[in-house]
Amino acid sequence: MKKLAVLMFSLLMILSACGTSADNNSGQNESSEETADSNASQGESNGNDVEEDAKVQQSVGVFKGWADNHTIEVETDNGYVTYYVSPDNQEAVKAVEEGSEVTISFIENEGRMELQSVQAN
């Protein structure tokens, strides 16, 4: 009888712990969405051009070549990084030789690095 009570109590604790973590995660997701929404509304009020310029980042690395028809690979100090290349920038990338050191200007859009310009050093 005691073993059955301990088993039931243990099962109850395990199940309640699983339910608690899911509730906590959903609360965290809601707060991060609210933060993203408030940041987006602030960006809209300041103008898209200002926000676009603020997000442009630069990186220096070694151009390794094309990963596919619209993605290039660059080796940086942090490892290999892939950049999405728009049709407008493909000719500029084709002029760069594999293995040469490059300076990349890019923006991060929803987790994807989008190439803005590439310059051989």
PDB file of N, CA and C in Angstrom:
ATOM      1  N   MET A   1       0.808  -1.185   0.000  1.00  0.00           N
ATOM      2  CA  MET A   1       0.000   0.000   0.000  1.00  0.00           C
ATOM      3  C   MET A   1       0.860   1.263   0.000  1.00  0.00           C
ATOM      4  N   LYS A   2       1.937   1.240   0.805  1.00  0.00           N
ATOM      5  CA  LYS A   2       2.830   2.392   0.859  1.00  0.00           C
ATOM      6  C   LYS A   2       3.503   2.632  -0.491  1.00  0.00           C
ATOM      7  N   LYS A   3       3.884   1.556  -1.170  1.00  0.00           N
ATOM      8  CA  LYS A   3       4.543   1.679  -2.475  1.00  0.00           C
ATOM      9  C   LYS A   3       3.597   2.315  -3.494  1.00  0.00           C
ATOM     10  N   LEU A   4       2.340   1.957  -3.440  1.00  0.00           N
ATOM     11  CA  LEU A   4       1.360   2.524  -4.355  1.00  0.00           C
ATOM     12  C   LEU A   4       1.188   4.023  -4.096  1.00  0.00           C
ATOM     13  N   ALA A   5       1.180   4.420  -2.853  1.00  0.00           N
ATOM     14  CA  ALA A   5       1.046   5.834  -2.510  1.00  0.00           C
ATOM     15  C   ALA A   5       2.265   6.623  -2.987  1.00  0.00           C
ATOM     16  N   VAL A   6       3.467   6.068  -2.795  1.00  0.00           N
ATOM     17  CA  VAL A   6       4.694   6.729  -3.247  1.00  0.00           C
ATOM     18  C   VAL A   6       4.703   6.825  -4.769  1.00  0.00           C
ATOM     19  N   LEU A   7       4.278   5.768  -5.441  1.00  0.00           N
ATOM     20  CA  LEU A   7       4.224   5.771  -6.902  1.00  0.00           C
ATOM     21  C   LEU A   7       3.250   6.835  -7.408  1.00  0.00           C
ATOM     22  N   MET A   8       2.080   6.920  -6.808  1.00  0.00           N
ATOM     23  CA  MET A   8       1.089   7.914  -7.225  1.00  0.00           C
ATOM     24  C   MET A   8       1.599   9.337  -6.973  1.00  0.00           C
ATOM     25  N   PHE A   9       2.229   9.552  -5.822  1.00  0.00           N
ATOM     26  CA  PHE A   9       2.772  10.868  -5.501  1.00  0.00           C
ATOM     27  C   PHE A   9       3.872  11.254  -6.493  1.00  0.00           C
ATOM     28  N   SER A  10       4.753  10.310  -6.816  1.00  0.00           N
ATOM     29  CA  SER A  10       5.841  10.575  -7.768  1.00  0.00           C
ATOM     30  C   SER A  10       5.285  10.900  -9.148  1.00  0.00           C
ATOM     31  N   LEU A  11       4.301  10.137  -9.568  1.00  0.00           N
ATOM     32  CA  LEU A  11       3.682  10.375 -10.869  1.00  0.00           C
ATOM     33  C   LEU A  11       3.016  11.751 -10.910  1.00  0.00           C
ATOM     34  N   LEU A  12       2.358  12.120  -9.826  1.00  0.00           N
ATOM     35  CA  LEU A  12       1.725  13.430  -9.739  1.00  0.00           C
ATOM     36  C   LEU A  12       2.754  14.550  -9.835  1.00  0.00           C
ATOM     37  N   MET A  13       3.887  14.400  -9.169  1.00  0.00           N
ATOM     38  CA  MET A  13       4.947  15.413  -9.208  1.00  0.00           C
ATOM     39  C   MET A  13       5.538  15.542 -10.612  1.00  0.00           C
ATOM     40  N   ILE A  14       5.761  14.434 -11.271  1.00  0.00           N
ATOM     41  CA  ILE A  14       6.331  14.459 -12.625  1.00  0.00           C
ATOM     42  C   ILE A  14       5.374  15.157 -13.590  1.00  0.00           C
ATOM     43  N   LEU A  15       4.104  14.794 -13.522  1.00  0.00           N
ATOM     44  CA  LEU A  15       3.130  15.397 -14.432  1.00  0.00           C
ATOM     45  C   LEU A  15       2.927  16.883 -14.153  1.00  0.00           C
ATOM     46  N   SER A  16       2.933  17.271 -12.903  1.00  0.00           N
ATOM     47  CA  SER A  16       2.748  18.693 -12.600  1.00  0.00           C
ATOM     48  C   SER A  16       3.965  19.513 -13.024  1.00  0.00           C
ATOM     49  N   ALA A  17       5.147  18.941 -12.941  1.00  0.00           N
ATOM     50  CA  ALA A  17       6.352  19.650 -13.376  1.00  0.00           C
ATOM     51  C   ALA A  17       6.334  19.868 -14.884  1.00  0.00           C
ATOM     52  N   CYS A  18       5.861  18.902 -15.633  1.00  0.00           N
ATOM     53  CA  CYS A  18       5.794  19.047 -17.088  1.00  0.00           C
ATOM     54  C   CYS A  18       4.806  20.138 -17.477  1.00  0.00           C
ATOM     55  N   GLY A  19       3.682  20.218 -16.807  1.00  0.00           N
ATOM     56  CA  GLY A  19       2.684  21.232 -17.113  1.00  0.00           C
ATOM     57  C   GLY A  19       3.158  22.628 -16.778  1.00  0.00           C
ATOM     58  N   THR A  20       3.955  22.768 -15.756  1.00  0.00           N
ATOM     59  CA  THR A  20       4.437  24.073 -15.327  1.00  0.00           C
ATOM     60  C   THR A  20       5.393  24.671 -16.344  1.00  0.00           C
ATOM     61  N   SER A  21       6.299  23.890 -16.891  1.00  0.00           N
ATOM     62  CA  SER A  21       7.281  24.434 -17.828  1.00  0.00           C
ATOM     63  C   SER A  21       6.619  24.912 -19.115  1.00  0.00           C
ATOM     64  N   ALA A  22       5.602  24.236 -19.574  1.00  0.00           N
ATOM     65  CA  ALA A  22       4.910  24.664 -20.789  1.00  0.00           C
ATOM     66  C   ALA A  22       4.208  25.996 -20.554  1.00  0.00           C
ATOM     67  N   ASP A  23       3.613  26.169 -19.369  1.00  0.00           N
ATOM     68  CA  ASP A  23       2.959  27.436 -19.059  1.00  0.00           C
ATOM     69  C   ASP A  23       3.970  28.567 -18.991  1.00  0.00           C
ATOM     70  N   ASN A  24       5.123  28.319 -18.400  1.00  0.00           N
ATOM     71  CA  ASN A  24       6.150  29.350 -18.292  1.00  0.00           C
ATOM     72  C   ASN A  24       6.681  29.741 -19.660  1.00  0.00           C
ATOM     73  N   ASN A  25       6.891  28.770 -20.544  1.00  0.00           N
ATOM     74  CA  ASN A  25       7.412  29.068 -21.875  1.00  0.00           C
ATOM     75  C   ASN A  25       6.435  29.908 -22.677  1.00  0.00           C
ATOM     76  N   SER A  26       5.144  29.628 -22.557  1.00  0.00           N
ATOM     77  CA  SER A  26       4.180  30.417 -23.323  1.00  0.00           C
ATOM     78  C   SER A  26       4.159  31.856 -22.832  1.00  0.00           C
ATOM     79  N   GLY A  27       4.336  32.078 -21.540  1.00  0.00           N
ATOM     80  CA  GLY A  27       4.395  33.436 -21.009  1.00  0.00           C
ATOM     81  C   GLY A  27       5.617  34.172 -21.504  1.00  0.00           C
ATOM     82  N   GLN A  28       6.744  33.473 -21.613  1.00  0.00           N
ATOM     83  CA  GLN A  28       7.962  34.100 -22.105  1.00  0.00           C
ATOM     84  C   GLN A  28       7.825  34.459 -23.572  1.00  0.00           C
ATOM     85  N   ASN A  29       7.186  33.595 -24.354  1.00  0.00           N
ATOM     86  CA  ASN A  29       6.998  33.880 -25.773  1.00  0.00           C
ATOM     87  C   ASN A  29       6.123  35.108 -25.966  1.00  0.00           C
ATOM     88  N   GLU A  30       5.074  35.249 -25.147  1.00  0.00           N
ATOM     89  CA  GLU A  30       4.195  36.406 -25.277  1.00  0.00           C
ATOM     90  C   GLU A  30       4.936  37.693 -24.975  1.00  0.00           C
ATOM     91  N   SER A  31       5.785  37.691 -23.944  1.00  0.00           N
ATOM     92  CA  SER A  31       6.503  38.916 -23.604  1.00  0.00           C
ATOM     93  C   SER A  31       7.524  39.275 -24.675  1.00  0.00           C
ATOM     94  N   SER A  32       8.164  38.277 -25.303  1.00  0.00           N
ATOM     95  CA  SER A  32       9.120  38.591 -26.361  1.00  0.00           C
ATOM     96  C   SER A  32       8.408  39.106 -27.604  1.00  0.00           C
ATOM     97  N   GLU A  33       7.189  38.599 -27.867  1.00  0.00           N
ATOM     98  CA  GLU A  33       6.420  39.105 -28.997  1.00  0.00           C
ATOM     99  C   GLU A  33       6.002  40.549 -28.754  1.00  0.00           C
ATOM    100  N   GLU A  34       5.624  40.875 -27.507  1.00  0.00           N
ATOM    101  CA  GLU A  34       5.250  42.245 -27.193  1.00  0.00           C
ATOM    102  C   GLU A  34       6.430  43.184 -27.384  1.00  0.00           C
ATOM    103  N   THR A  35       7.621  42.742 -26.990  1.00  0.00           N
ATOM    104  CA  THR A  35       8.821  43.553 -27.164  1.00  0.00           C
ATOM    105  C   THR A  35       9.107  43.765 -28.645  1.00  0.00           C
ATOM    106  N   ALA A  36       8.970  42.708 -29.441  1.00  0.00           N
ATOM    107  CA  ALA A  36       9.213  42.830 -30.875  1.00  0.00           C
ATOM    108  C   ALA A  36       8.202  43.777 -31.515  1.00  0.00           C
ATOM    109  N   ASP A  37       6.931  43.684 -31.081  1.00  0.00           N
ATOM    110  CA  ASP A  37       5.914  44.574 -31.624  1.00  0.00           C
ATOM    111  C   ASP A  37       6.200  46.026 -31.274  1.00  0.00           C
ATOM    112  N   SER A  38       6.624  46.285 -30.036  1.00  0.00           N
ATOM    113  CA  SER A  38       6.904  47.667 -29.649  1.00  0.00           C
ATOM    114  C   SER A  38       8.123  48.199 -30.390  1.00  0.00           C
ATOM    115  N   ASN A  39       9.131  47.342 -30.612  1.00  0.00           N
ATOM    116  CA  ASN A  39      10.300  47.770 -31.381  1.00  0.00           C
ATOM    117  C   ASN A  39       9.923  48.066 -32.825  1.00  0.00           C
ATOM    118  N   ALA A  40       9.047  47.255 -33.396  1.00  0.00           N
ATOM    119  CA  ALA A  40       8.631  47.475 -34.780  1.00  0.00           C
ATOM    120  C   ALA A  40       7.852  48.775 -34.903  1.00  0.00           C
ATOM    121  N   SER A  41       6.994  49.053 -33.943  1.00  0.00           N
ATOM    122  CA  SER A  41       6.222  50.291 -34.034  1.00  0.00           C
ATOM    123  C   SER A  41       7.117  51.507 -33.860  1.00  0.00           C
ATOM    124  N   GLN A  42       8.167  51.409 -33.041  1.00  0.00           N
ATOM    125  CA  GLN A  42       9.103  52.511 -32.899  1.00  0.00           C
ATOM    126  C   GLN A  42       9.865  52.733 -34.197  1.00  0.00           C
ATOM    127  N   GLY A  43      10.230  51.657 -34.880  1.00  0.00           N
ATOM    128  CA  GLY A  43      10.943  51.779 -36.145  1.00  0.00           C
ATOM    129  C   GLY A  43      10.084  52.435 -37.202  1.00  0.00           C
ATOM    130  N   GLU A  44       8.785  52.130 -37.206  1.00  0.00           N
ATOM    131  CA  GLU A  44       7.891  52.736 -38.183  1.00  0.00           C
ATOM    132  C   GLU A  44       7.742  54.225 -37.936  1.00  0.00           C
ATOM    133  N   SER A  45       7.729  54.624 -36.680  1.00  0.00           N
ATOM    134  CA  SER A  45       7.556  56.042 -36.400  1.00  0.00           C
ATOM    135  C   SER A  45       8.803  56.840 -36.751  1.00  0.00           C
ATOM    136  N   ASN A  46       9.985  56.221 -36.705  1.00  0.00           N
ATOM    137  CA  ASN A  46      11.223  56.917 -37.037  1.00  0.00           C
ATOM    138  C   ASN A  46      11.489  56.949 -38.534  1.00  0.00           C
ATOM    139  N   GLY A  47      10.831  56.117 -39.295  1.00  0.00           N
ATOM    140  CA  GLY A  47      11.058  56.058 -40.734  1.00  0.00           C
ATOM    141  C   GLY A  47      11.851  54.822 -41.092  1.00  0.00           C
ATOM    142  N   ASN A  48      11.526  54.198 -42.204  1.00  0.00           N
ATOM    143  CA  ASN A  48      12.175  52.952 -42.604  1.00  0.00           C
ATOM    144  C   ASN A  48      13.621  53.149 -43.009  1.00  0.00           C
ATOM    145  N   ASP A  49      13.977  54.303 -43.611  1.00  0.00           N
ATOM    146  CA  ASP A  49      15.348  54.523 -44.052  1.00  0.00           C
ATOM    147  C   ASP A  49      16.308  54.565 -42.879  1.00  0.00           C
ATOM    148  N   VAL A  50      15.922  55.203 -41.803  1.00  0.00           N
ATOM    149  CA  VAL A  50      16.784  55.291 -40.626  1.00  0.00           C
ATOM    150  C   VAL A  50      16.971  53.913 -40.022  1.00  0.00           C
ATOM    151  N   GLU A  51      15.890  53.135 -39.934  1.00  0.00           N
ATOM    152  CA  GLU A  51      15.981  51.795 -39.370  1.00  0.00           C
ATOM    153  C   GLU A  51      16.842  50.903 -40.254  1.00  0.00           C
ATOM    154  N   GLU A  52      16.703  51.016 -41.567  1.00  0.00           N
ATOM    155  CA  GLU A  52      17.479  50.216 -42.513  1.00  0.00           C
ATOM    156  C   GLU A  52      18.966  50.497 -42.357  1.00  0.00           C
ATOM    157  N   ASP A  53      19.360  51.778 -42.254  1.00  0.00           N
ATOM    158  CA  ASP A  53      20.763  52.133 -42.100  1.00  0.00           C
ATOM    159  C   ASP A  53      21.324  51.643 -40.775  1.00  0.00           C
ATOM    160  N   ALA A  54      20.510  51.646 -39.750  1.00  0.00           N
ATOM    161  CA  ALA A  54      20.983  51.242 -38.428  1.00  0.00           C
ATOM    162  C   ALA A  54      21.280  49.751 -38.380  1.00  0.00           C
ATOM    163  N   LYS A  55      20.633  48.958 -39.214  1.00  0.00           N
ATOM    164  CA  LYS A  55      20.821  47.521 -39.176  1.00  0.00           C
ATOM    165  C   LYS A  55      21.979  47.040 -40.036  1.00  0.00           C
ATOM    166  N   VAL A  56      22.549  47.880 -40.887  1.00  0.00           N
ATOM    167  CA  VAL A  56      23.632  47.440 -41.766  1.00  0.00           C
ATOM    168  C   VAL A  56      24.867  47.141 -40.922  1.00  0.00           C
ATOM    169  N   GLN A  57      25.402  45.932 -41.098  1.00  0.00           N
ATOM    170  CA  GLN A  57      26.581  45.491 -40.365  1.00  0.00           C
ATOM    171  C   GLN A  57      27.676  45.157 -41.363  1.00  0.00           C
ATOM    172  N   GLN A  58      28.913  45.116 -40.881  1.00  0.00           N
ATOM    173  CA  GLN A  58      30.034  44.752 -41.749  1.00  0.00           C
ATOM    174  C   GLN A  58      30.798  43.586 -41.153  1.00  0.00           C
ATOM    175  N   SER A  59      31.384  42.798 -42.026  1.00  0.00           N
ATOM    176  CA  SER A  59      32.184  41.657 -41.618  1.00  0.00           C
ATOM    177  C   SER A  59      33.323  41.494 -42.613  1.00  0.00           C
ATOM    178  N   VAL A  60      34.468  41.039 -42.122  1.00  0.00           N
ATOM    179  CA  VAL A  60      35.628  40.783 -42.979  1.00  0.00           C
ATOM    180  C   VAL A  60      35.922  39.298 -42.915  1.00  0.00           C
ATOM    181  N   GLY A  61      36.214  38.711 -44.072  1.00  0.00           N
ATOM    182  CA  GLY A  61      36.516  37.291 -44.113  1.00  0.00           C
ATOM    183  C   GLY A  61      37.079  36.890 -45.455  1.00  0.00           C
ATOM    184  N   VAL A  62      37.183  35.581 -45.655  1.00  0.00           N
ATOM    185  CA  VAL A  62      37.700  35.021 -46.903  1.00  0.00           C
ATOM    186  C   VAL A  62      36.526  34.448 -47.688  1.00  0.00           C
ATOM    187  N   PHE A  63      36.370  34.925 -48.931  1.00  0.00           N
ATOM    188  CA  PHE A  63      35.288  34.467 -49.800  1.00  0.00           C
ATOM    189  C   PHE A  63      35.571  33.037 -50.240  1.00  0.00           C
ATOM    190  N   LYS A  64      34.656  32.112 -49.904  1.00  0.00           N
ATOM    191  CA  LYS A  64      34.841  30.698 -50.230  1.00  0.00           C
ATOM    192  C   LYS A  64      34.096  30.277 -51.484  1.00  0.00           C
ATOM    193  N   GLY A  65      33.128  31.078 -51.922  1.00  0.00           N
ATOM    194  CA  GLY A  65      32.424  30.750 -53.157  1.00  0.00           C
ATOM    195  C   GLY A  65      30.920  30.677 -52.960  1.00  0.00           C
ATOM    196  N   TRP A  66      30.253  30.194 -54.003  1.00  0.00           N
ATOM    197  CA  TRP A  66      28.801  30.093 -54.013  1.00  0.00           C
ATOM    198  C   TRP A  66      28.376  28.788 -53.348  1.00  0.00           C
ATOM    199  N   ALA A  67      27.438  28.866 -52.407  1.00  0.00           N
ATOM    200  CA  ALA A  67      26.870  27.669 -51.790  1.00  0.00           C
ATOM    201  C   ALA A  67      25.743  27.120 -52.672  1.00  0.00           C
ATOM    202  N   ASP A  68      24.983  28.007 -53.296  1.00  0.00           N
ATOM    203  CA  ASP A  68      23.967  27.659 -54.288  1.00  0.00           C
ATOM    204  C   ASP A  68      23.730  28.884 -55.169  1.00  0.00           C
ATOM    205  N   ASN A  69      22.642  28.921 -55.908  1.00  0.00           N
ATOM    206  CA  ASN A  69      22.419  30.000 -56.879  1.00  0.00           C
ATOM    207  C   ASN A  69      22.225  31.383 -56.264  1.00  0.00           C
ATOM    208  N   HIS A  70      21.897  31.458 -54.980  1.00  0.00           N
ATOM    209  CA  HIS A  70      21.632  32.762 -54.365  1.00  0.00           C
ATOM    210  C   HIS A  70      22.263  32.902 -52.983  1.00  0.00           C
ATOM    211  N   THR A  71      23.259  32.092 -52.667  1.00  0.00           N
ATOM    212  CA  THR A  71      23.909  32.139 -51.357  1.00  0.00           C
ATOM    213  C   THR A  71      25.414  31.998 -51.524  1.00  0.00           C
ATOM    214  N   ILE A  72      26.166  32.868 -50.819  1.00  0.00           N
ATOM    215  CA  ILE A  72      27.622  32.743 -50.819  1.00  0.00           C
ATOM    216  C   ILE A  72      28.089  32.343 -49.429  1.00  0.00           C
ATOM    217  N   GLU A  73      29.313  31.835 -49.375  1.00  0.00           N
ATOM    218  CA  GLU A  73      29.892  31.408 -48.107  1.00  0.00           C
ATOM    219  C   GLU A  73      31.180  32.182 -47.865  1.00  0.00           C
ATOM    220  N   VAL A  74      31.317  32.725 -46.659  1.00  0.00           N
ATOM    221  CA  VAL A  74      32.490  33.504 -46.276  1.00  0.00           C
ATOM    222  C   VAL A  74      33.017  32.937 -44.963  1.00  0.00           C
ATOM    223  N   GLU A  75      34.334  32.702 -44.897  1.00  0.00           N
ATOM    224  CA  GLU A  75      34.951  32.231 -43.660  1.00  0.00           C
ATOM    225  C   GLU A  75      35.391  33.441 -42.847  1.00  0.00           C
ATOM    226  N   THR A  76      34.842  33.587 -41.645  1.00  0.00           N
ATOM    227  CA  THR A  76      35.181  34.691 -40.752  1.00  0.00           C
ATOM    228  C   THR A  76      35.872  34.129 -39.516  1.00  0.00           C
ATOM    229  N   ASP A  77      36.217  35.006 -38.586  1.00  0.00           N
ATOM    230  CA  ASP A  77      36.810  34.562 -37.327  1.00  0.00           C
ATOM    231  C   ASP A  77      35.853  33.681 -36.537  1.00  0.00           C
ATOM    232  N   ASN A  78      34.554  33.841 -36.760  1.00  0.00           N
ATOM    233  CA  ASN A  78      33.531  33.064 -36.054  1.00  0.00           C
ATOM    234  C   ASN A  78      33.157  31.784 -36.780  1.00  0.00           C
ATOM    235  N   GLY A  79      33.829  31.465 -37.870  1.00  0.00           N
ATOM    236  CA  GLY A  79      33.509  30.271 -38.657  1.00  0.00           C
ATOM    237  C   GLY A  79      32.929  30.648 -40.009  1.00  0.00           C
ATOM    238  N   TYR A  80      32.302  29.678 -40.646  1.00  0.00           N
ATOM    239  CA  TYR A  80      31.708  29.903 -41.960  1.00  0.00           C
ATOM    240  C   TYR A  80      30.334  30.548 -41.808  1.00  0.00           C
ATOM    241  N   VAL A  81      30.093  31.591 -42.607  1.00  0.00           N
ATOM    242  CA  VAL A  81      28.817  32.307 -42.580  1.00  0.00           C
ATOM    243  C   VAL A  81      28.289  32.354 -44.005  1.00  0.00           C
ATOM    244  N   THR A  82      26.987  32.105 -44.162  1.00  0.00           N
ATOM    245  CA  THR A  82      26.368  32.197 -45.484  1.00  0.00           C
ATOM    246  C   THR A  82      25.549  33.477 -45.570  1.00  0.00           C
ATOM    247  N   TYR A  83      25.557  34.079 -46.758  1.00  0.00           N
ATOM    248  CA  TYR A  83      24.835  35.324 -47.010  1.00  0.00           C
ATOM    249  C   TYR A  83      23.935  35.137 -48.219  1.00  0.00           C
ATOM    250  N   TYR A  84      22.698  35.589 -48.105  1.00  0.00           N
ATOM    251  CA  TYR A  84      21.771  35.581 -49.225  1.00  0.00           C
ATOM    252  C   TYR A  84      22.155  36.714 -50.171  1.00  0.00           C
ATOM    253  N   VAL A  85      22.213  36.409 -51.470  1.00  0.00           N
ATOM    254  CA  VAL A  85      22.585  37.401 -52.479  1.00  0.00           C
ATOM    255  C   VAL A  85      21.361  37.668 -53.354  1.00  0.00           C
ATOM    256  N   SER A  86      20.896  38.916 -53.359  1.00  0.00           N
ATOM    257  CA  SER A  86      19.760  39.288 -54.200  1.00  0.00           C
ATOM    258  C   SER A  86      20.220  39.339 -55.656  1.00  0.00           C
ATOM    259  N   PRO A  87      19.299  39.252 -56.603  1.00  0.00           N
ATOM    260  CA  PRO A  87      19.682  39.329 -58.016  1.00  0.00           C
ATOM    261  C   PRO A  87      20.445  40.607 -58.359  1.00  0.00           C
ATOM    262  N   ASP A  88      20.181  41.698 -57.645  1.00  0.00           N
ATOM    263  CA  ASP A  88      20.870  42.966 -57.904  1.00  0.00           C
ATOM    264  C   ASP A  88      22.359  42.897 -57.564  1.00  0.00           C
ATOM    265  N   ASN A  89      22.732  42.083 -56.587  1.00  0.00           N
ATOM    266  CA  ASN A  89      24.123  42.018 -56.130  1.00  0.00           C
ATOM    267  C   ASN A  89      24.921  40.857 -56.715  1.00  0.00           C
ATOM    268  N   GLN A  90      24.308  40.014 -57.518  1.00  0.00           N
ATOM    269  CA  GLN A  90      24.999  38.825 -58.015  1.00  0.00           C
ATOM    270  C   GLN A  90      26.186  39.159 -58.914  1.00  0.00           C
ATOM    271  N   GLU A  91      26.082  40.185 -59.732  1.00  0.00           N
ATOM    272  CA  GLU A  91      27.196  40.551 -60.618  1.00  0.00           C
ATOM    273  C   GLU A  91      28.407  41.014 -59.816  1.00  0.00           C
ATOM    274  N   ALA A  92      28.182  41.760 -58.749  1.00  0.00           N
ATOM    275  CA  ALA A  92      29.294  42.225 -57.911  1.00  0.00           C
ATOM    276  C   ALA A  92      30.003  41.048 -57.254  1.00  0.00           C
ATOM    277  N   VAL A  93      29.245  40.044 -56.842  1.00  0.00           N
ATOM    278  CA  VAL A  93      29.846  38.867 -56.206  1.00  0.00           C
ATOM    279  C   VAL A  93      30.606  38.037 -57.235  1.00  0.00           C
ATOM    280  N   LYS A  94      30.096  37.946 -58.452  1.00  0.00           N
ATOM    281  CA  LYS A  94      30.771  37.163 -59.490  1.00  0.00           C
ATOM    282  C   LYS A  94      32.132  37.742 -59.840  1.00  0.00           C
ATOM    283  N   ALA A  95      32.338  39.031 -59.587  1.00  0.00           N
ATOM    284  CA  ALA A  95      33.624  39.668 -59.877  1.00  0.00           C
ATOM    285  C   ALA A  95      34.682  39.334 -58.827  1.00  0.00           C
ATOM    286  N   VAL A  96      34.283  38.815 -57.679  1.00  0.00           N
ATOM    287  CA  VAL A  96      35.222  38.495 -56.597  1.00  0.00           C
ATOM    288  C   VAL A  96      35.744  37.073 -56.792  1.00  0.00           C
ATOM    289  N   GLU A  97      37.069  36.906 -56.660  1.00  0.00           N
ATOM    290  CA  GLU A  97      37.680  35.590 -56.823  1.00  0.00           C
ATOM    291  C   GLU A  97      37.593  34.796 -55.526  1.00  0.00           C
ATOM    292  N   GLU A  98      37.404  33.479 -55.661  1.00  0.00           N
ATOM    293  CA  GLU A  98      37.381  32.608 -54.489  1.00  0.00           C
ATOM    294  C   GLU A  98      38.733  32.649 -53.791  1.00  0.00           C
ATOM    295  N   GLY A  99      38.714  32.670 -52.466  1.00  0.00           N
ATOM    296  CA  GLY A  99      39.936  32.699 -51.684  1.00  0.00           C
ATOM    297  C   GLY A  99      40.435  34.093 -51.365  1.00  0.00           C
ATOM    298  N   SER A 100      39.800  35.126 -51.926  1.00  0.00           N
ATOM    299  CA  SER A 100      40.254  36.490 -51.646  1.00  0.00           C
ATOM    300  C   SER A 100      39.562  37.036 -50.396  1.00  0.00           C
ATOM    301  N   GLU A 101      40.258  37.956 -49.715  1.00  0.00           N
ATOM    302  CA  GLU A 101      39.689  38.579 -48.523  1.00  0.00           C
ATOM    303  C   GLU A 101      38.690  39.640 -48.950  1.00  0.00           C
ATOM    304  N   VAL A 102      37.518  39.656 -48.288  1.00  0.00           N
ATOM    305  CA  VAL A 102      36.447  40.572 -48.659  1.00  0.00           C
ATOM    306  C   VAL A 102      35.876  41.267 -47.427  1.00  0.00           C
ATOM    307  N   THR A 103      35.290  42.429 -47.679  1.00  0.00           N
ATOM    308  CA  THR A 103      34.500  43.125 -46.665  1.00  0.00           C
ATOM    309  C   THR A 103      33.051  43.038 -47.110  1.00  0.00           C
ATOM    310  N   ILE A 104      32.212  42.501 -46.241  1.00  0.00           N
ATOM    311  CA  ILE A 104      30.807  42.267 -46.539  1.00  0.00           C
ATOM    312  C   ILE A 104      29.963  43.257 -45.747  1.00  0.00           C
ATOM    313  N   SER A 105      29.038  43.934 -46.418  1.00  0.00           N
ATOM    314  CA  SER A 105      28.016  44.730 -45.739  1.00  0.00           C
ATOM    315  C   SER A 105      26.707  43.969 -45.878  1.00  0.00           C
ATOM    316  N   PHE A 106      26.003  43.787 -44.764  1.00  0.00           N
ATOM    317  CA  PHE A 106      24.791  42.978 -44.786  1.00  0.00           C
ATOM    318  C   PHE A 106      23.809  43.466 -43.729  1.00  0.00           C
ATOM    319  N   ILE A 107      22.564  43.034 -43.890  1.00  0.00           N
ATOM    320  CA  ILE A 107      21.556  43.244 -42.858  1.00  0.00           C
ATOM    321  C   ILE A 107      21.039  41.873 -42.441  1.00  0.00           C
ATOM    322  N   GLU A 108      20.595  41.780 -41.206  1.00  0.00           N
ATOM    323  CA  GLU A 108      19.997  40.540 -40.724  1.00  0.00           C
ATOM    324  C   GLU A 108      18.491  40.717 -40.746  1.00  0.00           C
ATOM    325  N   ASN A 109      17.822  39.899 -41.555  1.00  0.00           N
ATOM    326  CA  ASN A 109      16.379  39.986 -41.723  1.00  0.00           C
ATOM    327  C   ASN A 109      15.767  38.647 -41.342  1.00  0.00           C
ATOM    328  N   GLU A 110      15.106  38.601 -40.193  1.00  0.00           N
ATOM    329  CA  GLU A 110      14.465  37.391 -39.687  1.00  0.00           C
ATOM    330  C   GLU A 110      15.443  36.220 -39.639  1.00  0.00           C
ATOM    331  N   GLY A 111      16.641  36.474 -39.159  1.00  0.00           N
ATOM    332  CA  GLY A 111      17.638  35.424 -38.999  1.00  0.00           C
ATOM    333  C   GLY A 111      18.465  35.145 -40.241  1.00  0.00           C
ATOM    334  N   ARG A 112      18.139  35.753 -41.360  1.00  0.00           N
ATOM    335  CA  ARG A 112      18.880  35.525 -42.604  1.00  0.00           C
ATOM    336  C   ARG A 112      19.767  36.723 -42.882  1.00  0.00           C
ATOM    337  N   MET A 113      21.039  36.454 -43.177  1.00  0.00           N
ATOM    338  CA  MET A 113      21.990  37.511 -43.509  1.00  0.00           C
ATOM    339  C   MET A 113      21.819  37.851 -44.988  1.00  0.00           C
ATOM    340  N   GLU A 114      21.420  39.093 -45.284  1.00  0.00           N
ATOM    341  CA  GLU A 114      21.190  39.521 -46.663  1.00  0.00           C
ATOM    342  C   GLU A 114      22.306  40.465 -47.085  1.00  0.00           C
ATOM    343  N   LEU A 115      23.045  40.076 -48.106  1.00  0.00           N
ATOM    344  CA  LEU A 115      24.176  40.848 -48.607  1.00  0.00           C
ATOM    345  C   LEU A 115      23.705  42.184 -49.170  1.00  0.00           C
ATOM    346  N   GLN A 116      24.384  43.258 -48.762  1.00  0.00           N
ATOM    347  CA  GLN A 116      24.114  44.586 -49.303  1.00  0.00           C
ATOM    348  C   GLN A 116      25.211  44.994 -50.283  1.00  0.00           C
ATOM    349  N   SER A 117      26.477  44.676 -49.922  1.00  0.00           N
ATOM    350  CA  SER A 117      27.591  44.958 -50.824  1.00  0.00           C
ATOM    351  C   SER A 117      28.761  44.059 -50.451  1.00  0.00           C
ATOM    352  N   VAL A 118      29.641  43.856 -51.423  1.00  0.00           N
ATOM    353  CA  VAL A 118      30.848  43.070 -51.203  1.00  0.00           C
ATOM    354  C   VAL A 118      31.998  43.811 -51.864  1.00  0.00           C
ATOM    355  N   GLN A 119      33.140  43.847 -51.175  1.00  0.00           N
ATOM    356  CA  GLN A 119      34.305  44.545 -51.715  1.00  0.00           C
ATOM    357  C   GLN A 119      35.541  43.711 -51.416  1.00  0.00           C
ATOM    358  N   ALA A 120      36.329  43.425 -52.454  1.00  0.00           N
ATOM    359  CA  ALA A 120      37.586  42.695 -52.262  1.00  0.00           C
ATOM    360  C   ALA A 120      38.608  43.627 -51.634  1.00  0.00           C
ATOM    361  N   ASN A 121      39.353  43.111 -50.658  1.00  0.00           N
ATOM    362  CA  ASN A 121      40.356  43.941 -49.967  1.00  0.00           C
ATOM    363  C   ASN A 121      41.698  43.875 -50.647  1.00  0.00           C
TER     364      ASN A 121
END
